[in-house]
Amino acid sequence: MGKLGHLSARILMGQIFLLSGVFKITGYAATQGYMEAMGIPGIMLPLVIALEVGGGLAIILGWKTRWNAAALAVFTLVAAAIFHRNFADHMQQIMFMKNLAITGGLLLLVVHGAGGFSLDNRRRR
């Protein structure tokens, strides 16, 4: 797969965070209400948006990939534990497992880095 494979993987991994952050901006009040209903202070929403949009873009561009992937992996596990812990609901089980799978992909980025066609790789030359 080489350089294009790494780039494709980063785009696919990063886009879920980038789009999720953008959707939180466009549905700010609803997202804030949902967070508060789950016991998370709504004042945390700007930090969540910054992490998702910034981290997603960083992964896509391959900038400080290992650090951003590690931060998003922790965030994704915490989100799974907070928002998808109702295992009596089959959809919540699936969402929990989706978060675990995303965390696995992020951990691969932590271990292997951005690969080709990345800002990280460009800086090494």
Protein backbone atom coordinates (compact mmCIF):
# COMPACT_ATOMS: atom_id res chain seq x y z
CA MET A 1 0.00 0.00 0.00
CA GLY A 2 2.90 2.36 0.66
CA LYS A 3 2.52 6.10 0.94
CA LEU A 4 -0.97 6.23 -0.57
CA GLY A 5 -2.13 3.56 1.86
CA HIS A 6 -0.90 5.56 4.83
CA LEU A 7 -2.50 8.72 3.51
CA SER A 8 -5.81 6.94 2.83
CA ALA A 9 -5.82 5.42 6.31
CA ARG A 10 -5.16 8.81 7.92
CA ILE A 11 -7.92 10.46 5.90
CA LEU A 12 -10.40 7.75 6.87
CA MET A 13 -9.35 7.88 10.52
CA GLY A 14 -9.22 11.66 10.80
CA GLN A 15 -12.45 12.44 8.96
CA ILE A 16 -14.66 10.91 11.64
CA PHE A 17 -13.24 13.32 14.23
CA LEU A 18 -13.23 16.33 11.90
CA LEU A 19 -16.85 15.81 10.85
CA SER A 20 -17.97 15.02 14.38
CA GLY A 21 -16.46 18.29 15.59
CA VAL A 22 -18.10 20.26 12.78
CA PHE A 23 -21.48 18.64 13.52
CA LYS A 24 -21.08 19.61 17.18
CA ILE A 25 -20.56 23.23 16.10
CA THR A 26 -23.68 23.22 13.92
CA GLY A 27 -25.73 21.49 16.63
CA TYR A 28 -24.07 23.18 19.57
CA ALA A 29 -27.10 23.56 21.88
CA ALA A 30 -28.32 20.00 21.30
CA THR A 31 -24.85 18.56 21.86
CA GLN A 32 -24.38 20.62 25.01
CA GLY A 33 -27.73 19.41 26.32
CA TYR A 34 -26.85 15.78 25.58
CA MET A 35 -23.52 16.11 27.35
CA GLU A 36 -25.19 17.62 30.41
CA ALA A 37 -27.81 14.87 30.43
CA MET A 38 -24.93 12.36 30.57
CA GLY A 39 -23.32 14.19 33.49
CA ILE A 40 -20.64 16.09 31.57
CA PRO A 41 -20.54 19.88 32.06
CA GLY A 42 -21.60 21.68 28.89
CA ILE A 43 -18.72 24.09 29.32
CA MET A 44 -16.44 21.26 28.15
CA LEU A 45 -17.94 21.32 24.64
CA PRO A 46 -15.50 23.88 23.16
CA LEU A 47 -12.60 21.68 24.31
CA VAL A 48 -14.22 18.62 22.73
CA ILE A 49 -14.75 20.50 19.46
CA ALA A 50 -11.15 21.76 19.46
CA LEU A 51 -9.82 18.25 20.07
CA GLU A 52 -11.99 16.66 17.40
CA VAL A 53 -11.50 19.30 14.69
CA GLY A 54 -7.83 19.98 15.48
CA GLY A 55 -6.93 16.36 16.09
CA GLY A 56 -8.82 15.17 13.04
CA LEU A 57 -7.08 17.70 10.79
CA ALA A 58 -3.71 16.86 12.33
CA ILE A 59 -4.21 13.15 11.64
CA ILE A 60 -5.27 13.83 8.05
CA LEU A 61 -2.26 16.09 7.44
CA GLY A 62 0.08 13.79 9.34
CA TRP A 63 1.21 16.51 11.75
CA LYS A 64 2.48 15.35 15.15
CA THR A 65 0.58 12.19 14.33
CA ARG A 66 1.69 10.04 17.24
CA TRP A 67 0.76 12.65 19.86
CA ASN A 68 -2.57 13.52 18.24
CA ALA A 69 -3.46 9.86 17.76
CA ALA A 70 -2.66 9.15 21.42
CA ALA A 71 -4.83 12.06 22.60
CA LEU A 72 -7.72 10.99 20.35
CA ALA A 73 -7.36 7.36 21.50
CA VAL A 74 -7.76 8.36 25.15
CA PHE A 75 -10.64 10.68 24.24
CA THR A 76 -12.37 7.91 22.28
CA LEU A 77 -12.09 5.42 25.15
CA VAL A 78 -13.42 7.96 27.64
CA ALA A 79 -16.30 8.82 25.30
CA ALA A 80 -17.14 5.12 24.96
CA ALA A 81 -17.22 4.67 28.72
CA ILE A 82 -19.40 7.74 29.28
CA PHE A 83 -21.79 7.74 26.34
CA HIS A 84 -22.07 4.09 25.27
CA ARG A 85 -22.15 2.11 28.51
CA ASN A 86 -25.76 0.93 28.33
CA PHE A 87 -25.05 -2.61 27.14
CA ALA A 88 -28.72 -3.56 27.47
CA ASP A 89 -29.19 -1.48 24.30
CA HIS A 90 -27.75 -3.38 21.35
CA MET A 91 -27.04 -0.14 19.44
CA GLN A 92 -25.01 1.17 22.39
CA GLN A 93 -23.01 -2.07 22.39
CA ILE A 94 -22.22 -1.53 18.72
CA MET A 95 -21.26 2.10 19.33
CA PHE A 96 -19.00 1.02 22.20
CA MET A 97 -17.28 -1.56 19.99
CA LYS A 98 -16.95 1.04 17.20
CA ASN A 99 -15.09 3.28 19.63
CA LEU A 100 -12.82 0.39 20.57
CA ALA A 101 -12.07 -0.26 16.89
CA ILE A 102 -11.29 3.41 16.27
CA THR A 103 -8.99 3.35 19.31
CA GLY A 104 -7.21 0.36 17.78
CA GLY A 105 -6.63 2.25 14.55
CA LEU A 106 -5.35 5.26 16.46
CA LEU A 107 -2.95 3.07 18.42
CA LEU A 108 -1.54 1.80 15.13
CA LEU A 109 -0.81 5.43 14.23
CA VAL A 110 0.86 5.89 17.62
CA VAL A 111 3.09 2.87 17.00
CA HIS A 112 3.86 3.33 13.29
CA GLY A 113 3.52 7.08 12.79
CA ALA A 114 2.06 8.95 9.86
CA GLY A 115 3.92 7.24 7.04
CA GLY A 116 4.36 8.82 3.65
CA PHE A 117 2.75 11.98 2.33
CA SER A 118 2.66 13.55 5.78
CA LEU A 119 3.98 16.68 7.42
CA ASP A 120 5.79 14.48 9.93
CA ASN A 121 7.60 12.65 7.13
CA ARG A 122 8.37 15.87 5.27
CA ARG A 123 10.05 17.39 8.33
CA ARG A 124 12.41 14.41 8.65
CA ARG A 125 13.98 15.04 5.25
